[in-house]
């Protein structure tokens, strides 16, 4: 089991270093806003979500169409309502 602080650090790193500047901005702002409000289970869900490909996450953000790789949970629902 990953320690809570270690998990938070991994999430922050993964959100900030995606590969494209657009995804870095989108995901880092989302993580900055919500990381301290999510429970450990939600942080684990967020970590899993951040490990999806950028294209899947970005398409979901833009269209709200569910990809079969996206598991619907509180984190994903919160992300779908997030505005920059």
C-alpha atoms as a PDB file:
ATOM      1  CA  UNK A   1       0.000   0.000   0.000  1.00  0.00           C
ATOM      2  CA  UNK A   2       1.338   3.404  -0.932  1.00  0.00           C
ATOM      3  CA  UNK A   3       1.727   5.994   1.829  1.00  0.00           C
ATOM      4  CA  UNK A   4      -0.620   8.961   1.457  1.00  0.00           C
ATOM      5  CA  UNK A   5       2.105  11.599   1.046  1.00  0.00           C
ATOM      6  CA  UNK A   6       3.999   9.451  -1.447  1.00  0.00           C
ATOM      7  CA  UNK A   7       0.799   8.975  -3.428  1.00  0.00           C
ATOM      8  CA  UNK A   8       0.146  12.731  -3.450  1.00  0.00           C
ATOM      9  CA  UNK A   9       3.682  13.398  -4.703  1.00  0.00           C
ATOM     10  CA  UNK A  10       3.307  10.830  -7.475  1.00  0.00           C
ATOM     11  CA  UNK A  11      -0.013  12.371  -8.520  1.00  0.00           C
ATOM     12  CA  UNK A  12       1.424  15.886  -8.590  1.00  0.00           C
ATOM     13  CA  UNK A  13       4.408  14.728 -10.633  1.00  0.00           C
ATOM     14  CA  UNK A  14       2.237  12.776 -13.088  1.00  0.00           C
ATOM     15  CA  UNK A  15      -0.141  15.730 -13.544  1.00  0.00           C
ATOM     16  CA  UNK A  16       2.692  18.178 -14.225  1.00  0.00           C
ATOM     17  CA  UNK A  17       4.747  16.069 -16.643  1.00  0.00           C
ATOM     18  CA  UNK A  18       2.379  14.660 -19.246  1.00  0.00           C
ATOM     19  CA  UNK A  19       4.140  15.251 -22.534  1.00  0.00           C
ATOM     20  CA  UNK A  20       2.085  18.149 -23.841  1.00  0.00           C
ATOM     21  CA  UNK A  21       1.874  21.597 -22.293  1.00  0.00           C
ATOM     22  CA  UNK A  22      -1.930  21.654 -22.646  1.00  0.00           C
ATOM     23  CA  UNK A  23      -2.335  18.478 -20.607  1.00  0.00           C
ATOM     24  CA  UNK A  24       0.269  19.663 -18.082  1.00  0.00           C
ATOM     25  CA  UNK A  25      -1.805  22.800 -17.496  1.00  0.00           C
ATOM     26  CA  UNK A  26      -5.206  21.105 -17.437  1.00  0.00           C
ATOM     27  CA  UNK A  27      -4.280  18.249 -15.129  1.00  0.00           C
ATOM     28  CA  UNK A  28      -1.970  20.200 -12.832  1.00  0.00           C
ATOM     29  CA  UNK A  29      -4.687  22.796 -12.193  1.00  0.00           C
ATOM     30  CA  UNK A  30      -7.245  20.061 -11.529  1.00  0.00           C
ATOM     31  CA  UNK A  31      -4.895  18.269  -9.148  1.00  0.00           C
ATOM     32  CA  UNK A  32      -3.916  21.508  -7.378  1.00  0.00           C
ATOM     33  CA  UNK A  33      -7.570  22.294  -6.744  1.00  0.00           C
ATOM     34  CA  UNK A  34      -8.704  18.888  -5.490  1.00  0.00           C
ATOM     35  CA  UNK A  35      -5.733  16.901  -4.159  1.00  0.00           C
ATOM     36  CA  UNK A  36      -6.285  17.948  -0.555  1.00  0.00           C
ATOM     37  CA  UNK A  37     -10.019  17.220  -0.647  1.00  0.00           C
ATOM     38  CA  UNK A  38      -9.919  13.660  -1.980  1.00  0.00           C
ATOM     39  CA  UNK A  39      -9.875  10.638   0.309  1.00  0.00           C
ATOM     40  CA  UNK A  40      -7.164   7.994  -0.023  1.00  0.00           C
ATOM     41  CA  UNK A  41      -9.444   5.847  -2.218  1.00  0.00           C
ATOM     42  CA  UNK A  42     -10.181   8.862  -4.415  1.00  0.00           C
ATOM     43  CA  UNK A  43      -6.466   9.642  -4.660  1.00  0.00           C
ATOM     44  CA  UNK A  44      -5.883   6.064  -5.802  1.00  0.00           C
ATOM     45  CA  UNK A  45      -8.641   6.527  -8.401  1.00  0.00           C
ATOM     46  CA  UNK A  46      -7.021   9.795  -9.489  1.00  0.00           C
ATOM     47  CA  UNK A  47      -3.649   8.070  -9.832  1.00  0.00           C
ATOM     48  CA  UNK A  48      -5.240   5.412 -12.038  1.00  0.00           C
ATOM     49  CA  UNK A  49      -6.991   8.088 -14.103  1.00  0.00           C
ATOM     50  CA  UNK A  50      -3.732   9.996 -14.620  1.00  0.00           C
ATOM     51  CA  UNK A  51      -2.117   6.837 -15.955  1.00  0.00           C
ATOM     52  CA  UNK A  52      -4.467   6.834 -18.942  1.00  0.00           C
ATOM     53  CA  UNK A  53      -3.178   8.206 -22.242  1.00  0.00           C
ATOM     54  CA  UNK A  54      -3.451  11.957 -22.767  1.00  0.00           C
ATOM     55  CA  UNK A  55      -5.721  11.491 -25.773  1.00  0.00           C
ATOM     56  CA  UNK A  56      -8.272   9.521 -23.755  1.00  0.00           C
ATOM     57  CA  UNK A  57      -8.310  12.068 -20.928  1.00  0.00           C
ATOM     58  CA  UNK A  58      -8.466  15.061 -23.271  1.00  0.00           C
ATOM     59  CA  UNK A  59     -11.255  13.574 -25.389  1.00  0.00           C
ATOM     60  CA  UNK A  60     -13.252  12.843 -22.255  1.00  0.00           C
ATOM     61  CA  UNK A  61     -12.703  16.391 -21.002  1.00  0.00           C
ATOM     62  CA  UNK A  62     -13.846  17.878 -24.310  1.00  0.00           C
ATOM     63  CA  UNK A  63     -16.739  15.581 -25.221  1.00  0.00           C
ATOM     64  CA  UNK A  64     -17.711  13.896 -21.917  1.00  0.00           C
ATOM     65  CA  UNK A  65     -17.990  10.634 -23.866  1.00  0.00           C
ATOM     66  CA  UNK A  66     -16.871   7.670 -21.812  1.00  0.00           C
ATOM     67  CA  UNK A  67     -14.017   5.578 -23.124  1.00  0.00           C
ATOM     68  CA  UNK A  68     -14.067   1.942 -22.034  1.00  0.00           C
ATOM     69  CA  UNK A  69     -10.732   2.507 -20.250  1.00  0.00           C
ATOM     70  CA  UNK A  70     -12.229   5.195 -17.982  1.00  0.00           C
ATOM     71  CA  UNK A  71     -13.711   3.905 -14.747  1.00  0.00           C
ATOM     72  CA  UNK A  72     -16.507   6.182 -13.587  1.00  0.00           C
ATOM     73  CA  UNK A  73     -16.033   7.310 -10.004  1.00  0.00           C
ATOM     74  CA  UNK A  74     -16.151  10.542  -8.003  1.00  0.00           C
ATOM     75  CA  UNK A  75     -12.797  11.716  -9.367  1.00  0.00           C
ATOM     76  CA  UNK A  76     -13.869  11.283 -12.994  1.00  0.00           C
ATOM     77  CA  UNK A  77     -17.205  12.989 -12.318  1.00  0.00           C
ATOM     78  CA  UNK A  78     -15.408  15.893 -10.646  1.00  0.00           C
ATOM     79  CA  UNK A  79     -12.994  16.139 -13.576  1.00  0.00           C
ATOM     80  CA  UNK A  80     -15.867  16.227 -16.062  1.00  0.00           C
ATOM     81  CA  UNK A  81     -17.242  19.336 -14.306  1.00  0.00           C
ATOM     82  CA  UNK A  82     -13.862  21.027 -13.903  1.00  0.00           C
ATOM     83  CA  UNK A  83     -13.326  24.337 -15.719  1.00  0.00           C
ATOM     84  CA  UNK A  84      -9.979  26.039 -16.207  1.00  0.00           C
END
